[in-house]
Amino acid sequence: MYNILIIEEMQTIVGLGCGATSKFVHPETGDITRLANPKEPKAYIDAFQTSTEAKIKALETLFAGN
């Protein structure tokens, strides 16, 4: 079931680690927002705080009505 939801782009995924991509799917509209982490370890570490804050904000936006 998980694979079907991912392939059909119906499931929110939070990517962790270098090169990971997060995908946020709005439950009502189906709009998709993607946030990618840098692949290079130093760039990932340098961007970690900003990236984490962006992911938290995206999740809060998705679940604001619940």
PDB file of N, CA and C in Angstrom:
ATOM      1  N   MET A   1       0.822  -1.181   0.000  1.00  0.00           N
ATOM      2  CA  MET A   1       0.000   0.000   0.000  1.00  0.00           C
ATOM      3  C   MET A   1       0.879   1.262   0.000  1.00  0.00           C
ATOM      4  N   TYR A   2       1.917   1.246   0.818  1.00  0.00           N
ATOM      5  CA  TYR A   2       2.831   2.391   0.889  1.00  0.00           C
ATOM      6  C   TYR A   2       3.404   2.716  -0.488  1.00  0.00           C
ATOM      7  N   ASN A   3       3.881   1.711  -1.201  1.00  0.00           N
ATOM      8  CA  ASN A   3       4.465   1.940  -2.527  1.00  0.00           C
ATOM      9  C   ASN A   3       3.451   2.530  -3.499  1.00  0.00           C
ATOM     10  N   ILE A   4       2.239   2.075  -3.446  1.00  0.00           N
ATOM     11  CA  ILE A   4       1.198   2.609  -4.328  1.00  0.00           C
ATOM     12  C   ILE A   4       0.962   4.087  -4.020  1.00  0.00           C
ATOM     13  N   LEU A   5       0.873   4.426  -2.737  1.00  0.00           N
ATOM     14  CA  LEU A   5       0.658   5.825  -2.351  1.00  0.00           C
ATOM     15  C   LEU A   5       1.818   6.706  -2.798  1.00  0.00           C
ATOM     16  N   ILE A   6       3.032   6.207  -2.694  1.00  0.00           N
ATOM     17  CA  ILE A   6       4.212   6.977  -3.086  1.00  0.00           C
ATOM     18  C   ILE A   6       4.241   7.160  -4.601  1.00  0.00           C
ATOM     19  N   ILE A   7       4.046   6.105  -5.346  1.00  0.00           N
ATOM     20  CA  ILE A   7       4.096   6.176  -6.801  1.00  0.00           C
ATOM     21  C   ILE A   7       2.998   7.092  -7.334  1.00  0.00           C
ATOM     22  N   GLU A   8       1.829   7.036  -6.739  1.00  0.00           N
ATOM     23  CA  GLU A   8       0.722   7.884  -7.182  1.00  0.00           C
ATOM     24  C   GLU A   8       0.795   9.288  -6.587  1.00  0.00           C
ATOM     25  N   GLU A   9       1.865   9.573  -5.859  1.00  0.00           N
ATOM     26  CA  GLU A   9       2.106  10.874  -5.233  1.00  0.00           C
ATOM     27  C   GLU A   9       0.922  11.332  -4.391  1.00  0.00           C
ATOM     28  N   MET A  10       0.519  10.451  -3.468  1.00  0.00           N
ATOM     29  CA  MET A  10      -0.588  10.740  -2.572  1.00  0.00           C
ATOM     30  C   MET A  10      -0.138  10.779  -1.118  1.00  0.00           C
ATOM     31  N   GLN A  11       1.144  10.566  -0.855  1.00  0.00           N
ATOM     32  CA  GLN A  11       1.649  10.413   0.504  1.00  0.00           C
ATOM     33  C   GLN A  11       2.740  11.424   0.807  1.00  0.00           C
ATOM     34  N   THR A  12       2.648  12.096   1.943  1.00  0.00           N
ATOM     35  CA  THR A  12       3.697  12.995   2.409  1.00  0.00           C
ATOM     36  C   THR A  12       4.858  12.164   2.947  1.00  0.00           C
ATOM     37  N   ILE A  13       6.070  12.564   2.581  1.00  0.00           N
ATOM     38  CA  ILE A  13       7.286  11.884   3.028  1.00  0.00           C
ATOM     39  C   ILE A  13       8.266  12.936   3.518  1.00  0.00           C
ATOM     40  N   VAL A  14       8.862  12.728   4.678  1.00  0.00           N
ATOM     41  CA  VAL A  14       9.896  13.633   5.175  1.00  0.00           C
ATOM     42  C   VAL A  14      11.236  12.935   4.986  1.00  0.00           C
ATOM     43  N   GLY A  15      12.071  13.510   4.110  1.00  0.00           N
ATOM     44  CA  GLY A  15      13.382  12.948   3.821  1.00  0.00           C
ATOM     45  C   GLY A  15      14.418  13.433   4.821  1.00  0.00           C
ATOM     46  N   LEU A  16      15.216  12.508   5.329  1.00  0.00           N
ATOM     47  CA  LEU A  16      16.266  12.824   6.300  1.00  0.00           C
ATOM     48  C   LEU A  16      17.612  12.385   5.745  1.00  0.00           C
ATOM     49  N   GLY A  17      18.616  13.215   5.916  1.00  0.00           N
ATOM     50  CA  GLY A  17      19.967  12.859   5.498  1.00  0.00           C
ATOM     51  C   GLY A  17      20.372  13.540   4.207  1.00  0.00           C
ATOM     52  N   CYS A  18      21.647  13.391   3.888  1.00  0.00           N
ATOM     53  CA  CYS A  18      22.216  14.001   2.674  1.00  0.00           C
ATOM     54  C   CYS A  18      21.495  13.504   1.430  1.00  0.00           C
ATOM     55  N   GLY A  19      21.116  14.422   0.580  1.00  0.00           N
ATOM     56  CA  GLY A  19      20.510  14.076  -0.699  1.00  0.00           C
ATOM     57  C   GLY A  19      19.057  13.634  -0.632  1.00  0.00           C
ATOM     58  N   ALA A  20      18.476  13.586   0.555  1.00  0.00           N
ATOM     59  CA  ALA A  20      17.079  13.150   0.679  1.00  0.00           C
ATOM     60  C   ALA A  20      16.137  14.271   0.240  1.00  0.00           C
ATOM     61  N   THR A  21      14.990  13.867  -0.293  1.00  0.00           N
ATOM     62  CA  THR A  21      13.975  14.832  -0.697  1.00  0.00           C
ATOM     63  C   THR A  21      12.697  14.585   0.094  1.00  0.00           C
ATOM     64  N   SER A  22      12.146  15.657   0.638  1.00  0.00           N
ATOM     65  CA  SER A  22      10.861  15.586   1.319  1.00  0.00           C
ATOM     66  C   SER A  22       9.783  15.975   0.322  1.00  0.00           C
ATOM     67  N   LYS A  23       8.636  15.318   0.435  1.00  0.00           N
ATOM     68  CA  LYS A  23       7.501  15.622  -0.437  1.00  0.00           C
ATOM     69  C   LYS A  23       6.285  15.810   0.459  1.00  0.00           C
ATOM     70  N   PHE A  24       5.662  16.969   0.347  1.00  0.00           N
ATOM     71  CA  PHE A  24       4.499  17.291   1.147  1.00  0.00           C
ATOM     72  C   PHE A  24       3.284  17.374   0.232  1.00  0.00           C
ATOM     73  N   VAL A  25       2.297  16.519   0.469  1.00  0.00           N
ATOM     74  CA  VAL A  25       1.089  16.461  -0.351  1.00  0.00           C
ATOM     75  C   VAL A  25      -0.067  17.034   0.455  1.00  0.00           C
ATOM     76  N   HIS A  26      -0.651  18.124  -0.062  1.00  0.00           N
ATOM     77  CA  HIS A  26      -1.784  18.739   0.629  1.00  0.00           C
ATOM     78  C   HIS A  26      -2.957  17.767   0.583  1.00  0.00           C
ATOM     79  N   PRO A  27      -3.567  17.456   1.734  1.00  0.00           N
ATOM     80  CA  PRO A  27      -4.623  16.431   1.779  1.00  0.00           C
ATOM     81  C   PRO A  27      -5.888  16.777   1.009  1.00  0.00           C
ATOM     82  N   GLU A  28      -6.177  18.052   0.822  1.00  0.00           N
ATOM     83  CA  GLU A  28      -7.417  18.425   0.136  1.00  0.00           C
ATOM     84  C   GLU A  28      -7.203  18.737  -1.338  1.00  0.00           C
ATOM     85  N   THR A  29      -6.123  19.444  -1.651  1.00  0.00           N
ATOM     86  CA  THR A  29      -5.904  19.891  -3.029  1.00  0.00           C
ATOM     87  C   THR A  29      -4.999  18.961  -3.827  1.00  0.00           C
ATOM     88  N   GLY A  30      -4.190  18.176  -3.134  1.00  0.00           N
ATOM     89  CA  GLY A  30      -3.231  17.317  -3.820  1.00  0.00           C
ATOM     90  C   GLY A  30      -1.982  18.061  -4.275  1.00  0.00           C
ATOM     91  N   ASP A  31      -1.909  19.364  -3.964  1.00  0.00           N
ATOM     92  CA  ASP A  31      -0.712  20.137  -4.330  1.00  0.00           C
ATOM     93  C   ASP A  31       0.515  19.533  -3.657  1.00  0.00           C
ATOM     94  N   ILE A  32       1.623  19.500  -4.388  1.00  0.00           N
ATOM     95  CA  ILE A  32       2.854  18.892  -3.902  1.00  0.00           C
ATOM     96  C   ILE A  32       3.941  19.952  -3.764  1.00  0.00           C
ATOM     97  N   THR A  33       4.608  19.929  -2.610  1.00  0.00           N
ATOM     98  CA  THR A  33       5.771  20.771  -2.366  1.00  0.00           C
ATOM     99  C   THR A  33       6.941  19.854  -2.066  1.00  0.00           C
ATOM    100  N   ARG A  34       8.071  20.085  -2.731  1.00  0.00           N
ATOM    101  CA  ARG A  34       9.267  19.270  -2.497  1.00  0.00           C
ATOM    102  C   ARG A  34      10.376  20.132  -1.915  1.00  0.00           C
ATOM    103  N   LEU A  35      11.093  19.569  -0.956  1.00  0.00           N
ATOM    104  CA  LEU A  35      12.265  20.210  -0.374  1.00  0.00           C
ATOM    105  C   LEU A  35      13.404  19.199  -0.392  1.00  0.00           C
ATOM    106  N   ALA A  36      14.503  19.549  -1.043  1.00  0.00           N
ATOM    107  CA  ALA A  36      15.645  18.631  -1.167  1.00  0.00           C
ATOM    108  C   ALA A  36      16.779  19.055  -0.245  1.00  0.00           C
ATOM    109  N   ASN A  37      17.404  18.072   0.388  1.00  0.00           N
ATOM    110  CA  ASN A  37      18.596  18.310   1.189  1.00  0.00           C
ATOM    111  C   ASN A  37      19.821  18.289   0.282  1.00  0.00           C
ATOM    112  N   PRO A  38      20.841  19.086   0.617  1.00  0.00           N
ATOM    113  CA  PRO A  38      22.079  19.034  -0.173  1.00  0.00           C
ATOM    114  C   PRO A  38      22.709  17.634  -0.119  1.00  0.00           C
ATOM    115  N   LYS A  39      23.364  17.242  -1.196  1.00  0.00           N
ATOM    116  CA  LYS A  39      24.023  15.931  -1.253  1.00  0.00           C
ATOM    117  C   LYS A  39      25.386  15.933  -0.573  1.00  0.00           C
ATOM    118  N   GLU A  40      26.068  17.066  -0.615  1.00  0.00           N
ATOM    119  CA  GLU A  40      27.415  17.169  -0.052  1.00  0.00           C
ATOM    120  C   GLU A  40      27.316  17.305   1.473  1.00  0.00           C
ATOM    121  N   PRO A  41      28.033  16.466   2.236  1.00  0.00           N
ATOM    122  CA  PRO A  41      27.883  16.471   3.694  1.00  0.00           C
ATOM    123  C   PRO A  41      28.074  17.831   4.369  1.00  0.00           C
ATOM    124  N   LYS A  42      29.086  18.589   4.010  1.00  0.00           N
ATOM    125  CA  LYS A  42      29.302  19.893   4.657  1.00  0.00           C
ATOM    126  C   LYS A  42      28.141  20.833   4.353  1.00  0.00           C
ATOM    127  N   ALA A  43      27.690  20.859   3.123  1.00  0.00           N
ATOM    128  CA  ALA A  43      26.551  21.714   2.756  1.00  0.00           C
ATOM    129  C   ALA A  43      25.296  21.277   3.522  1.00  0.00           C
ATOM    130  N   TYR A  44      25.120  19.974   3.685  1.00  0.00           N
ATOM    131  CA  TYR A  44      23.979  19.449   4.443  1.00  0.00           C
ATOM    132  C   TYR A  44      24.029  19.926   5.893  1.00  0.00           C
ATOM    133  N   ILE A  45      25.197  19.803   6.502  1.00  0.00           N
ATOM    134  CA  ILE A  45      25.364  20.231   7.897  1.00  0.00           C
ATOM    135  C   ILE A  45      25.119  21.730   8.029  1.00  0.00           C
ATOM    136  N   ASP A  46      25.667  22.503   7.095  1.00  0.00           N
ATOM    137  CA  ASP A  46      25.503  23.960   7.138  1.00  0.00           C
ATOM    138  C   ASP A  46      24.042  24.377   6.978  1.00  0.00           C
ATOM    139  N   ALA A  47      23.274  23.617   6.206  1.00  0.00           N
ATOM    140  CA  ALA A  47      21.880  23.967   5.914  1.00  0.00           C
ATOM    141  C   ALA A  47      20.879  23.257   6.819  1.00  0.00           C
ATOM    142  N   PHE A  48      21.367  22.435   7.727  1.00  0.00           N
ATOM    143  CA  PHE A  48      20.487  21.583   8.531  1.00  0.00           C
ATOM    144  C   PHE A  48      19.404  22.373   9.267  1.00  0.00           C
ATOM    145  N   GLN A  49      19.774  23.430   9.973  1.00  0.00           N
ATOM    146  CA  GLN A  49      18.808  24.205  10.763  1.00  0.00           C
ATOM    147  C   GLN A  49      17.725  24.815   9.873  1.00  0.00           C
ATOM    148  N   THR A  50      18.144  25.453   8.797  1.00  0.00           N
ATOM    149  CA  THR A  50      17.194  26.085   7.878  1.00  0.00           C
ATOM    150  C   THR A  50      16.286  25.048   7.226  1.00  0.00           C
ATOM    151  N   SER A  51      16.873  23.937   6.824  1.00  0.00           N
ATOM    152  CA  SER A  51      16.113  22.868   6.176  1.00  0.00           C
ATOM    153  C   SER A  51      15.072  22.280   7.129  1.00  0.00           C
ATOM    154  N   THR A  52      15.466  22.046   8.352  1.00  0.00           N
ATOM    155  CA  THR A  52      14.556  21.485   9.348  1.00  0.00           C
ATOM    156  C   THR A  52      13.396  22.440   9.623  1.00  0.00           C
ATOM    157  N   GLU A  53      13.694  23.729   9.745  1.00  0.00           N
ATOM    158  CA  GLU A  53      12.640  24.722   9.968  1.00  0.00           C
ATOM    159  C   GLU A  53      11.658  24.769   8.798  1.00  0.00           C
ATOM    160  N   ALA A  54      12.168  24.658   7.576  1.00  0.00           N
ATOM    161  CA  ALA A  54      11.302  24.665   6.391  1.00  0.00           C
ATOM    162  C   ALA A  54      10.377  23.453   6.382  1.00  0.00           C
ATOM    163  N   LYS A  55      10.900  22.296   6.795  1.00  0.00           N
ATOM    164  CA  LYS A  55      10.077  21.081   6.831  1.00  0.00           C
ATOM    165  C   LYS A  55       8.999  21.185   7.903  1.00  0.00           C
ATOM    166  N   ILE A  56       9.359  21.728   9.054  1.00  0.00           N
ATOM    167  CA  ILE A  56       8.369  21.904  10.127  1.00  0.00           C
ATOM    168  C   ILE A  56       7.271  22.856   9.669  1.00  0.00           C
ATOM    169  N   LYS A  57       7.650  23.947   9.014  1.00  0.00           N
ATOM    170  CA  LYS A  57       6.664  24.908   8.521  1.00  0.00           C
ATOM    171  C   LYS A  57       5.741  24.254   7.489  1.00  0.00           C
ATOM    172  N   ALA A  58       6.306  23.447   6.591  1.00  0.00           N
ATOM    173  CA  ALA A  58       5.489  22.760   5.579  1.00  0.00           C
ATOM    174  C   ALA A  58       4.501  21.808   6.236  1.00  0.00           C
ATOM    175  N   LEU A  59       4.941  21.073   7.257  1.00  0.00           N
ATOM    176  CA  LEU A  59       4.044  20.156   7.962  1.00  0.00           C
ATOM    177  C   LEU A  59       2.955  20.914   8.706  1.00  0.00           C
ATOM    178  N   GLU A  60       3.316  22.022   9.331  1.00  0.00           N
ATOM    179  CA  GLU A  60       2.310  22.828  10.036  1.00  0.00           C
ATOM    180  C   GLU A  60       1.263  23.363   9.064  1.00  0.00           C
ATOM    181  N   THR A  61       1.691  23.754   7.879  1.00  0.00           N
ATOM    182  CA  THR A  61       0.775  24.264   6.862  1.00  0.00           C
ATOM    183  C   THR A  61      -0.204  23.167   6.423  1.00  0.00           C
ATOM    184  N   LEU A  62       0.307  21.941   6.257  1.00  0.00           N
ATOM    185  CA  LEU A  62      -0.555  20.835   5.821  1.00  0.00           C
ATOM    186  C   LEU A  62      -1.620  20.512   6.858  1.00  0.00           C
ATOM    187  N   PHE A  63      -1.252  20.592   8.122  1.00  0.00           N
ATOM    188  CA  PHE A  63      -2.152  20.157   9.171  1.00  0.00           C
ATOM    189  C   PHE A  63      -2.779  21.305   9.962  1.00  0.00           C
ATOM    190  N   ALA A  64      -2.754  22.512   9.403  1.00  0.00           N
ATOM    191  CA  ALA A  64      -3.286  23.700  10.075  1.00  0.00           C
ATOM    192  C   ALA A  64      -4.785  23.579  10.359  1.00  0.00           C
ATOM    193  N   GLY A  65      -5.507  22.910   9.480  1.00  0.00           N
ATOM    194  CA  GLY A  65      -6.952  22.797   9.641  1.00  0.00           C
ATOM    195  C   GLY A  65      -7.384  21.669  10.543  1.00  0.00           C
ATOM    196  N   ASN A  66      -6.455  20.810  10.954  1.00  0.00           N
ATOM    197  CA  ASN A  66      -6.832  19.628  11.775  1.00  0.00           C
ATOM    198  C   ASN A  66      -6.666  19.867  13.239  1.00  0.00           C
TER     199      ASN A  66
END
